[in-house]
Amino acid sequence: MRSVVCFTFACAVVGLGACSTEPKTATVAPSAATASAEAAVTPDPLLPLAEEAGFVSVFDGKTLNGWQAADMSFWSVEDGAITAKITVEHPTERNHYLVYQGGKMGDFELKLRHRILSDKDVNCGFQYRSEIFDGKITDDCRGYQVDNNTNTPWQVRLYDEHGRETLAWRGERAVFDATGQKAITPIEGATGPARFSLDQWHEYDLTCKGTTMTLKVNGRLVAEVVDDDPAQRDLSGILALQLHSGPPMKVQFKDIRLKVLDTSSGQK
């Protein structure tokens, strides 16, 4: 289990202030200057849904059965997708989490489709192998996260909420050794301009097996982390969808499918 490092900022909207309930300044990935200068590339296609052995749908497409948030007023189902909104009439100054009620997840593969709709620069993502806790705000969440941010060169990364922050930018393979030292190598085909858009439906495929976590977007490997630091790693925890504080936005998740790769973590 991790020993939590108390950094005071969470995933965030570009260019704004720093606190777990406020947007953080978005650090630029090492390859950002090069990425922004390169020509656009052909997007990877969003492939049709198909039956896959071992995967179970954990969202029925109609209700929020099996999911729970401390404040359900931000969450609904629209267009067959779990939907969270911030509006002028219903703002928020904190992050909100919709937690899957199926128990802690250890080794698994998770596939879901996602998009973010806003005319501002906004942040979103989902937590995995995480936990709900009361910190500066109640019902906050800490642990591993697939984090994304509109209008940034990196677009998506593997992150440690309320911990070490960026684990691997898009295009990186990060290995943390037993002392917490981090070594980075590039992932071929994942650097440069992103081959997906956050405001269009795209599919995340996240696999966690032991200390190795791999993230694909529309079938392309984009980030990987091997976390062999026993003081910080988490080998099991909850799944939670995030609505990040910020300006008006609409975030959606659908076609959420889970394949359990072990039975030792309490997963139902």
C-alpha atoms as a PDB file:
ATOM      1  CA  MET A   1       0.000   0.000   0.000  1.00  0.00           C
ATOM      2  CA  ARG A   2       1.218   3.483  -0.837  1.00  0.00           C
ATOM      3  CA  SER A   3       2.523   5.965   1.665  1.00  0.00           C
ATOM      4  CA  VAL A   4       0.646   9.008   0.376  1.00  0.00           C
ATOM      5  CA  VAL A   5       2.692  11.997  -0.736  1.00  0.00           C
ATOM      6  CA  CYS A   6       0.694  15.128   0.051  1.00  0.00           C
ATOM      7  CA  PHE A   7       0.992  17.141  -3.117  1.00  0.00           C
ATOM      8  CA  THR A   8      -1.905  19.574  -3.105  1.00  0.00           C
ATOM      9  CA  PHE A   9      -2.994  19.477  -6.682  1.00  0.00           C
ATOM     10  CA  ALA A  10      -4.943  17.065  -8.842  1.00  0.00           C
ATOM     11  CA  CYS A  11      -5.680  16.530 -12.531  1.00  0.00           C
ATOM     12  CA  ALA A  12      -6.600  19.818 -13.988  1.00  0.00           C
ATOM     13  CA  VAL A  13      -7.597  22.508 -16.376  1.00  0.00           C
ATOM     14  CA  VAL A  14      -4.696  24.155 -18.196  1.00  0.00           C
ATOM     15  CA  GLY A  15      -3.133  27.250 -16.730  1.00  0.00           C
ATOM     16  CA  LEU A  16      -5.131  27.650 -13.512  1.00  0.00           C
ATOM     17  CA  GLY A  17      -4.289  27.375  -9.833  1.00  0.00           C
ATOM     18  CA  ALA A  18      -3.308  24.456  -7.607  1.00  0.00           C
ATOM     19  CA  CYS A  19      -5.341  22.367  -5.169  1.00  0.00           C
ATOM     20  CA  SER A  20      -6.985  18.950  -5.323  1.00  0.00           C
ATOM     21  CA  THR A  21     -10.311  20.740  -5.721  1.00  0.00           C
ATOM     22  CA  GLU A  22      -8.985  23.323  -8.172  1.00  0.00           C
ATOM     23  CA  PRO A  23      -7.322  23.018 -11.565  1.00  0.00           C
ATOM     24  CA  LYS A  24      -3.563  22.665 -11.553  1.00  0.00           C
ATOM     25  CA  THR A  25      -1.062  24.168 -13.919  1.00  0.00           C
ATOM     26  CA  ALA A  26      -0.632  21.594 -16.666  1.00  0.00           C
ATOM     27  CA  THR A  27       3.020  20.626 -16.960  1.00  0.00           C
ATOM     28  CA  VAL A  28       4.156  20.213 -20.542  1.00  0.00           C
ATOM     29  CA  ALA A  29       5.441  16.808 -21.553  1.00  0.00           C
ATOM     30  CA  PRO A  30       9.109  16.671 -22.618  1.00  0.00           C
ATOM     31  CA  SER A  31       8.162  16.150 -26.262  1.00  0.00           C
ATOM     32  CA  ALA A  32       5.500  18.883 -26.375  1.00  0.00           C
ATOM     33  CA  ALA A  33       7.429  21.395 -28.480  1.00  0.00           C
ATOM     34  CA  THR A  34       8.285  18.760 -31.055  1.00  0.00           C
ATOM     35  CA  ALA A  35       4.778  17.326 -31.033  1.00  0.00           C
ATOM     36  CA  SER A  36       3.069  20.668 -31.589  1.00  0.00           C
ATOM     37  CA  ALA A  37       5.342  21.464 -34.516  1.00  0.00           C
ATOM     38  CA  GLU A  38       4.694  18.233 -36.386  1.00  0.00           C
ATOM     39  CA  ALA A  39       2.031  17.876 -39.042  1.00  0.00           C
ATOM     40  CA  ALA A  40      -1.277  16.270 -38.137  1.00  0.00           C
ATOM     41  CA  VAL A  41      -1.475  12.509 -38.555  1.00  0.00           C
ATOM     42  CA  THR A  42      -4.286  10.232 -39.647  1.00  0.00           C
ATOM     43  CA  PRO A  43      -6.487   9.394 -36.634  1.00  0.00           C
ATOM     44  CA  ASP A  44      -6.735   5.798 -35.505  1.00  0.00           C
ATOM     45  CA  PRO A  45     -10.269   4.535 -36.166  1.00  0.00           C
ATOM     46  CA  LEU A  46     -12.715   3.699 -33.408  1.00  0.00           C
ATOM     47  CA  LEU A  47     -13.405   0.054 -34.141  1.00  0.00           C
ATOM     48  CA  PRO A  48     -16.914  -1.438 -33.901  1.00  0.00           C
ATOM     49  CA  LEU A  49     -17.842  -3.132 -30.647  1.00  0.00           C
ATOM     50  CA  ALA A  50     -17.403  -6.890 -30.651  1.00  0.00           C
ATOM     51  CA  GLU A  51     -18.039  -9.725 -28.231  1.00  0.00           C
ATOM     52  CA  GLU A  52     -14.787 -10.618 -26.473  1.00  0.00           C
ATOM     53  CA  ALA A  53     -14.250 -13.626 -24.254  1.00  0.00           C
ATOM     54  CA  GLY A  54     -14.080 -12.858 -20.545  1.00  0.00           C
ATOM     55  CA  PHE A  55     -15.386  -9.290 -20.714  1.00  0.00           C
ATOM     56  CA  VAL A  56     -18.494  -8.333 -18.737  1.00  0.00           C
ATOM     57  CA  SER A  57     -20.426  -5.089 -19.198  1.00  0.00           C
ATOM     58  CA  VAL A  58     -20.507  -3.087 -15.945  1.00  0.00           C
ATOM     59  CA  PHE A  59     -22.849  -0.357 -17.263  1.00  0.00           C
ATOM     60  CA  ASP A  60     -26.251  -1.282 -18.670  1.00  0.00           C
ATOM     61  CA  GLY A  61     -26.521   1.777 -20.917  1.00  0.00           C
ATOM     62  CA  LYS A  62     -29.779   2.917 -19.289  1.00  0.00           C
ATOM     63  CA  THR A  63     -29.347   3.394 -15.545  1.00  0.00           C
ATOM     64  CA  LEU A  64     -26.673   4.091 -12.948  1.00  0.00           C
ATOM     65  CA  ASN A  65     -27.323   0.775 -11.231  1.00  0.00           C
ATOM     66  CA  GLY A  66     -24.046  -0.500  -9.803  1.00  0.00           C
ATOM     67  CA  TRP A  67     -22.522   2.991  -9.594  1.00  0.00           C
ATOM     68  CA  GLN A  68     -22.656   5.504  -6.755  1.00  0.00           C
ATOM     69  CA  ALA A  69     -21.417   9.050  -6.054  1.00  0.00           C
ATOM     70  CA  ALA A  70     -21.512  11.070  -2.854  1.00  0.00           C
ATOM     71  CA  ASP A  71     -23.449  13.714  -4.825  1.00  0.00           C
ATOM     72  CA  MET A  72     -25.561  12.124  -7.545  1.00  0.00           C
ATOM     73  CA  SER A  73     -26.908  15.468  -8.800  1.00  0.00           C
ATOM     74  CA  PHE A  74     -24.084  15.770 -11.326  1.00  0.00           C
ATOM     75  CA  TRP A  75     -24.559  12.285 -12.815  1.00  0.00           C
ATOM     76  CA  SER A  76     -27.121  10.920 -15.261  1.00  0.00           C
ATOM     77  CA  VAL A  77     -27.468   8.718 -18.334  1.00  0.00           C
ATOM     78  CA  GLU A  78     -27.720  10.401 -21.740  1.00  0.00           C
ATOM     79  CA  ASP A  79     -27.290   8.944 -25.217  1.00  0.00           C
ATOM     80  CA  GLY A  80     -26.588   5.532 -23.690  1.00  0.00           C
ATOM     81  CA  ALA A  81     -23.628   6.969 -21.746  1.00  0.00           C
ATOM     82  CA  ILE A  82     -22.838   7.796 -18.140  1.00  0.00           C
ATOM     83  CA  THR A  83     -22.871  11.585 -18.251  1.00  0.00           C
ATOM     84  CA  ALA A  84     -21.615  14.239 -15.852  1.00  0.00           C
ATOM     85  CA  LYS A  85     -22.168  17.957 -16.339  1.00  0.00           C
ATOM     86  CA  ILE A  86     -21.048  21.252 -14.912  1.00  0.00           C
ATOM     87  CA  THR A  87     -23.323  24.116 -15.936  1.00  0.00           C
ATOM     88  CA  VAL A  88     -23.678  27.796 -15.107  1.00  0.00           C
ATOM     89  CA  GLU A  89     -26.772  26.866 -13.106  1.00  0.00           C
ATOM     90  CA  HIS A  90     -25.090  23.914 -11.393  1.00  0.00           C
ATOM     91  CA  PRO A  91     -21.385  24.732 -10.875  1.00  0.00           C
ATOM     92  CA  THR A  92     -18.890  22.992  -8.621  1.00  0.00           C
ATOM     93  CA  GLU A  93     -15.642  23.931  -6.909  1.00  0.00           C
ATOM     94  CA  ARG A  94     -14.565  20.344  -6.230  1.00  0.00           C
ATOM     95  CA  ASN A  95     -13.978  17.063  -8.048  1.00  0.00           C
ATOM     96  CA  HIS A  96     -16.709  14.413  -8.058  1.00  0.00           C
ATOM     97  CA  TYR A  97     -16.368  10.646  -8.445  1.00  0.00           C
ATOM     98  CA  LEU A  98     -18.859   8.012  -9.542  1.00  0.00           C
ATOM     99  CA  VAL A  99     -17.655   4.765  -7.995  1.00  0.00           C
ATOM    100  CA  TYR A 100     -18.225   1.300  -9.443  1.00  0.00           C
ATOM    101  CA  GLN A 101     -19.811  -0.833  -6.733  1.00  0.00           C
ATOM    102  CA  GLY A 102     -18.360  -4.166  -7.878  1.00  0.00           C
ATOM    103  CA  GLY A 103     -15.577  -4.208  -5.321  1.00  0.00           C
ATOM    104  CA  LYS A 104     -11.839  -3.654  -5.449  1.00  0.00           C
ATOM    105  CA  MET A 105     -10.053  -4.504  -8.675  1.00  0.00           C
ATOM    106  CA  GLY A 106      -6.633  -6.147  -8.733  1.00  0.00           C
ATOM    107  CA  ASP A 107      -5.460  -7.568 -12.061  1.00  0.00           C
ATOM    108  CA  PHE A 108      -7.881  -6.675 -14.838  1.00  0.00           C
ATOM    109  CA  GLU A 109      -8.425  -5.352 -18.341  1.00  0.00           C
ATOM    110  CA  LEU A 110     -10.878  -2.479 -18.699  1.00  0.00           C
ATOM    111  CA  LYS A 111     -12.281  -1.060 -21.923  1.00  0.00           C
ATOM    112  CA  LEU A 112     -14.465   2.039 -22.096  1.00  0.00           C
ATOM    113  CA  ARG A 113     -15.380   4.794 -24.530  1.00  0.00           C
ATOM    114  CA  HIS A 114     -15.107   8.413 -23.529  1.00  0.00           C
ATOM    115  CA  ARG A 115     -15.425  11.993 -24.712  1.00  0.00           C
ATOM    116  CA  ILE A 116     -15.256  15.512 -23.231  1.00  0.00           C
ATOM    117  CA  LEU A 117     -17.400  18.353 -24.556  1.00  0.00           C
ATOM    118  CA  SER A 118     -16.593  21.965 -23.630  1.00  0.00           C
ATOM    119  CA  ASP A 119     -15.596  25.216 -25.285  1.00  0.00           C
ATOM    120  CA  LYS A 120     -12.959  25.678 -22.564  1.00  0.00           C
ATOM    121  CA  ASP A 121      -9.742  23.832 -21.740  1.00  0.00           C
ATOM    122  CA  VAL A 122     -10.869  21.114 -19.331  1.00  0.00           C
ATOM    123  CA  ASN A 123      -9.688  17.974 -17.612  1.00  0.00           C
ATOM    124  CA  CYS A 124     -11.233  14.567 -16.996  1.00  0.00           C
ATOM    125  CA  GLY A 125     -10.312  10.936 -16.440  1.00  0.00           C
ATOM    126  CA  PHE A 126     -10.979   7.900 -14.328  1.00  0.00           C
ATOM    127  CA  GLN A 127      -9.397   6.390 -11.237  1.00  0.00           C
ATOM    128  CA  TYR A 128      -8.329   2.752 -10.904  1.00  0.00           C
ATOM    129  CA  ARG A 129      -6.729   0.812  -8.038  1.00  0.00           C
ATOM    130  CA  SER A 130      -7.696   3.868  -5.997  1.00  0.00           C
ATOM    131  CA  GLU A 131      -9.496   4.731  -2.772  1.00  0.00           C
ATOM    132  CA  ILE A 132     -12.036   7.246  -1.516  1.00  0.00           C
ATOM    133  CA  PHE A 133     -10.781   9.314   1.432  1.00  0.00           C
ATOM    134  CA  ASP A 134     -11.546  12.468   3.365  1.00  0.00           C
ATOM    135  CA  GLY A 135      -8.775  15.016   2.926  1.00  0.00           C
ATOM    136  CA  LYS A 136      -9.217  18.727   2.328  1.00  0.00           C
ATOM    137  CA  ILE A 137     -12.596  17.724   0.943  1.00  0.00           C
ATOM    138  CA  THR A 138     -14.797  14.766   1.823  1.00  0.00           C
ATOM    139  CA  ASP A 139     -15.211  11.837  -0.556  1.00  0.00           C
ATOM    140  CA  ASP A 140     -12.065  12.688  -2.490  1.00  0.00           C
ATOM    141  CA  CYS A 141     -10.153  10.037  -4.429  1.00  0.00           C
ATOM    142  CA  ARG A 142      -6.464   9.144  -4.577  1.00  0.00           C
ATOM    143  CA  GLY A 143      -4.438   6.619  -6.512  1.00  0.00           C
ATOM    144  CA  TYR A 144      -3.782   5.711 -10.115  1.00  0.00           C
ATOM    145  CA  GLN A 145      -5.621   7.618 -12.813  1.00  0.00           C
ATOM    146  CA  VAL A 146      -5.996   7.717 -16.568  1.00  0.00           C
ATOM    147  CA  ASP A 147      -5.880  11.500 -16.940  1.00  0.00           C
ATOM    148  CA  ASN A 148      -6.632  13.631 -19.968  1.00  0.00           C
ATOM    149  CA  ASN A 149      -6.658  17.344 -20.741  1.00  0.00           C
ATOM    150  CA  THR A 150      -7.992  19.121 -23.814  1.00  0.00           C
ATOM    151  CA  ASN A 151      -5.738  21.326 -25.933  1.00  0.00           C
ATOM    152  CA  THR A 152      -2.475  19.907 -24.650  1.00  0.00           C
ATOM    153  CA  PRO A 153       0.115  18.082 -26.769  1.00  0.00           C
ATOM    154  CA  TRP A 154       0.057  15.081 -24.443  1.00  0.00           C
ATOM    155  CA  GLN A 155      -3.758  14.617 -24.361  1.00  0.00           C
ATOM    156  CA  VAL A 156      -3.602  11.575 -22.064  1.00  0.00           C
ATOM    157  CA  ARG A 157      -1.223  10.216 -19.432  1.00  0.00           C
ATOM    158  CA  LEU A 158      -0.972   7.769 -16.548  1.00  0.00           C
ATOM    159  CA  TYR A 159      -1.140   9.747 -13.331  1.00  0.00           C
ATOM    160  CA  ASP A 160      -0.995   9.337  -9.541  1.00  0.00           C
ATOM    161  CA  GLU A 161      -3.719  11.467  -7.934  1.00  0.00           C
ATOM    162  CA  HIS A 162      -2.577  12.941  -4.596  1.00  0.00           C
ATOM    163  CA  GLY A 163       0.761  11.179  -5.054  1.00  0.00           C
ATOM    164  CA  ARG A 164       3.632  11.328  -7.505  1.00  0.00           C
ATOM    165  CA  GLU A 165       1.538  13.060 -10.200  1.00  0.00           C
ATOM    166  CA  THR A 166       2.660  12.235 -13.740  1.00  0.00           C
ATOM    167  CA  LEU A 167       3.792   8.617 -14.011  1.00  0.00           C
ATOM    168  CA  ALA A 168       4.033   8.421 -17.817  1.00  0.00           C
ATOM    169  CA  TRP A 169       3.097  10.915 -20.503  1.00  0.00           C
ATOM    170  CA  ARG A 170       1.594   9.698 -23.740  1.00  0.00           C
ATOM    171  CA  GLY A 171       4.473   8.129 -25.640  1.00  0.00           C
ATOM    172  CA  GLU A 172       6.402   7.013 -22.549  1.00  0.00           C
ATOM    173  CA  ARG A 173       7.191   3.763 -20.790  1.00  0.00           C
ATOM    174  CA  ALA A 174       8.101   4.498 -17.161  1.00  0.00           C
ATOM    175  CA  VAL A 175       9.743   2.036 -14.782  1.00  0.00           C
ATOM    176  CA  PHE A 176       9.919   2.820 -11.060  1.00  0.00           C
ATOM    177  CA  ASP A 177      12.462   0.694  -9.213  1.00  0.00           C
ATOM    178  CA  ALA A 178      12.307  -0.417  -5.572  1.00  0.00           C
ATOM    179  CA  THR A 179      13.792   2.906  -4.410  1.00  0.00           C
ATOM    180  CA  GLY A 180      11.283   4.980  -6.383  1.00  0.00           C
ATOM    181  CA  GLN A 181      13.743   6.017  -9.091  1.00  0.00           C
ATOM    182  CA  LYS A 182      12.093   6.500 -12.471  1.00  0.00           C
ATOM    183  CA  ALA A 183      13.505   5.497 -15.881  1.00  0.00           C
ATOM    184  CA  ILE A 184      11.799   6.566 -19.111  1.00  0.00           C
ATOM    185  CA  THR A 185      11.957   5.103 -22.612  1.00  0.00           C
ATOM    186  CA  PRO A 186       9.854   6.146 -25.616  1.00  0.00           C
ATOM    187  CA  ILE A 187       7.076   4.038 -27.089  1.00  0.00           C
ATOM    188  CA  GLU A 188       7.391   3.777 -30.842  1.00  0.00           C
ATOM    189  CA  GLY A 189       4.376   5.124 -32.671  1.00  0.00           C
ATOM    190  CA  ALA A 190       2.914   6.902 -29.642  1.00  0.00           C
ATOM    191  CA  THR A 191       4.822  10.189 -29.671  1.00  0.00           C
ATOM    192  CA  GLY A 192       4.085  13.259 -31.786  1.00  0.00           C
ATOM    193  CA  PRO A 193       0.557  14.468 -32.526  1.00  0.00           C
ATOM    194  CA  ALA A 194      -2.200  12.415 -30.941  1.00  0.00           C
ATOM    195  CA  ARG A 195      -4.126  10.070 -33.215  1.00  0.00           C
ATOM    196  CA  PHE A 196      -7.417  10.705 -31.413  1.00  0.00           C
ATOM    197  CA  SER A 197      -9.472  13.684 -30.260  1.00  0.00           C
ATOM    198  CA  LEU A 198     -10.800  14.046 -26.731  1.00  0.00           C
ATOM    199  CA  ASP A 199     -14.035  15.629 -27.970  1.00  0.00           C
ATOM    200  CA  GLN A 200     -14.752  12.587 -30.145  1.00  0.00           C
ATOM    201  CA  TRP A 201     -15.579   9.102 -28.889  1.00  0.00           C
ATOM    202  CA  HIS A 202     -12.348   7.185 -28.336  1.00  0.00           C
ATOM    203  CA  GLU A 203     -11.677   3.912 -26.538  1.00  0.00           C
ATOM    204  CA  TYR A 204      -9.332   3.371 -23.616  1.00  0.00           C
ATOM    205  CA  ASP A 205      -8.017  -0.144 -23.063  1.00  0.00           C
ATOM    206  CA  LEU A 206      -6.270  -0.353 -19.695  1.00  0.00           C
ATOM    207  CA  THR A 207      -4.582  -3.550 -18.522  1.00  0.00           C
ATOM    208  CA  CYS A 208      -3.199  -3.949 -15.008  1.00  0.00           C
ATOM    209  CA  LYS A 209      -1.258  -7.118 -14.276  1.00  0.00           C
ATOM    210  CA  GLY A 210       0.853  -7.138 -11.149  1.00  0.00           C
ATOM    211  CA  THR A 211       2.955  -3.984 -11.161  1.00  0.00           C
ATOM    212  CA  THR A 212       2.600  -3.392 -14.913  1.00  0.00           C
ATOM    213  CA  MET A 213      -0.053  -1.037 -16.289  1.00  0.00           C
ATOM    214  CA  THR A 214      -0.530  -0.514 -20.029  1.00  0.00           C
ATOM    215  CA  LEU A 215      -2.840   1.964 -21.726  1.00  0.00           C
ATOM    216  CA  LYS A 216      -4.049   1.806 -25.315  1.00  0.00           C
ATOM    217  CA  VAL A 217      -6.213   4.329 -27.149  1.00  0.00           C
ATOM    218  CA  ASN A 218      -8.179   3.008 -30.124  1.00  0.00           C
ATOM    219  CA  GLY A 219      -5.948  -0.058 -30.095  1.00  0.00           C
ATOM    220  CA  ARG A 220      -2.606   1.800 -30.055  1.00  0.00           C
ATOM    221  CA  LEU A 221      -0.263   1.478 -27.078  1.00  0.00           C
ATOM    222  CA  VAL A 222       0.240   5.014 -25.751  1.00  0.00           C
ATOM    223  CA  ALA A 223       1.657   4.692 -22.201  1.00  0.00           C
ATOM    224  CA  GLU A 224       2.999   2.057 -19.837  1.00  0.00           C
ATOM    225  CA  VAL A 225       4.095   2.049 -16.201  1.00  0.00           C
ATOM    226  CA  VAL A 226       5.943  -0.608 -14.232  1.00  0.00           C
ATOM    227  CA  ASP A 227       5.612   0.398 -10.578  1.00  0.00           C
ATOM    228  CA  ASP A 228       8.042  -1.645  -8.495  1.00  0.00           C
ATOM    229  CA  ASP A 229       8.175   0.919  -5.673  1.00  0.00           C
ATOM    230  CA  PRO A 230       6.626  -0.882  -2.671  1.00  0.00           C
ATOM    231  CA  ALA A 231       6.151   2.391  -0.780  1.00  0.00           C
ATOM    232  CA  GLN A 232       3.922   3.918  -3.463  1.00  0.00           C
ATOM    233  CA  ARG A 233       2.369   1.231  -5.653  1.00  0.00           C
ATOM    234  CA  ASP A 234      -1.182  -0.065  -5.282  1.00  0.00           C
ATOM    235  CA  LEU A 235      -2.056  -3.585  -6.395  1.00  0.00           C
ATOM    236  CA  SER A 236      -5.818  -3.241  -5.978  1.00  0.00           C
ATOM    237  CA  GLY A 237      -8.465  -0.596  -5.450  1.00  0.00           C
ATOM    238  CA  ILE A 238     -11.673   0.924  -6.729  1.00  0.00           C
ATOM    239  CA  LEU A 239     -12.718   2.111 -10.182  1.00  0.00           C
ATOM    240  CA  ALA A 240     -14.198   5.629 -10.249  1.00  0.00           C
ATOM    241  CA  LEU A 241     -15.180   7.995 -13.053  1.00  0.00           C
ATOM    242  CA  GLN A 242     -14.187  11.623 -12.527  1.00  0.00           C
ATOM    243  CA  LEU A 243     -15.933  14.946 -13.035  1.00  0.00           C
ATOM    244  CA  HIS A 244     -13.230  17.551 -12.524  1.00  0.00           C
ATOM    245  CA  SER A 245     -13.933  21.014 -11.166  1.00  0.00           C
ATOM    246  CA  GLY A 246     -13.803  23.750 -13.761  1.00  0.00           C
ATOM    247  CA  PRO A 247     -15.909  25.626 -16.294  1.00  0.00           C
ATOM    248  CA  PRO A 248     -19.071  24.223 -17.896  1.00  0.00           C
ATOM    249  CA  MET A 249     -18.418  20.837 -19.464  1.00  0.00           C
ATOM    250  CA  LYS A 250     -20.047  17.542 -20.326  1.00  0.00           C
ATOM    251  CA  VAL A 251     -18.113  14.310 -19.904  1.00  0.00           C
ATOM    252  CA  GLN A 252     -19.363  10.905 -21.005  1.00  0.00           C
ATOM    253  CA  PHE A 253     -18.398   7.255 -20.564  1.00  0.00           C
ATOM    254  CA  LYS A 254     -20.019   4.288 -22.290  1.00  0.00           C
ATOM    255  CA  ASP A 255     -19.493   0.672 -23.373  1.00  0.00           C
ATOM    256  CA  ILE A 256     -17.659  -0.074 -20.116  1.00  0.00           C
ATOM    257  CA  ARG A 257     -16.414  -3.671 -20.130  1.00  0.00           C
ATOM    258  CA  LEU A 258     -14.311  -5.403 -17.504  1.00  0.00           C
ATOM    259  CA  LYS A 259     -12.279  -8.601 -17.657  1.00  0.00           C
ATOM    260  CA  VAL A 260     -11.005  -9.852 -14.311  1.00  0.00           C
ATOM    261  CA  LEU A 261      -7.547 -11.414 -14.603  1.00  0.00           C
ATOM    262  CA  ASP A 262      -7.426 -12.679 -11.011  1.00  0.00           C
ATOM    263  CA  THR A 263      -9.839 -13.596  -8.217  1.00  0.00           C
ATOM    264  CA  SER A 264      -7.700 -12.644  -5.239  1.00  0.00           C
ATOM    265  CA  SER A 265      -8.518  -8.938  -4.886  1.00  0.00           C
ATOM    266  CA  GLY A 266     -12.119  -9.071  -3.720  1.00  0.00           C
ATOM    267  CA  GLN A 267     -13.562  -8.248  -7.133  1.00  0.00           C
ATOM    268  CA  LYS A 268     -17.210  -9.282  -7.337  1.00  0.00           C
END
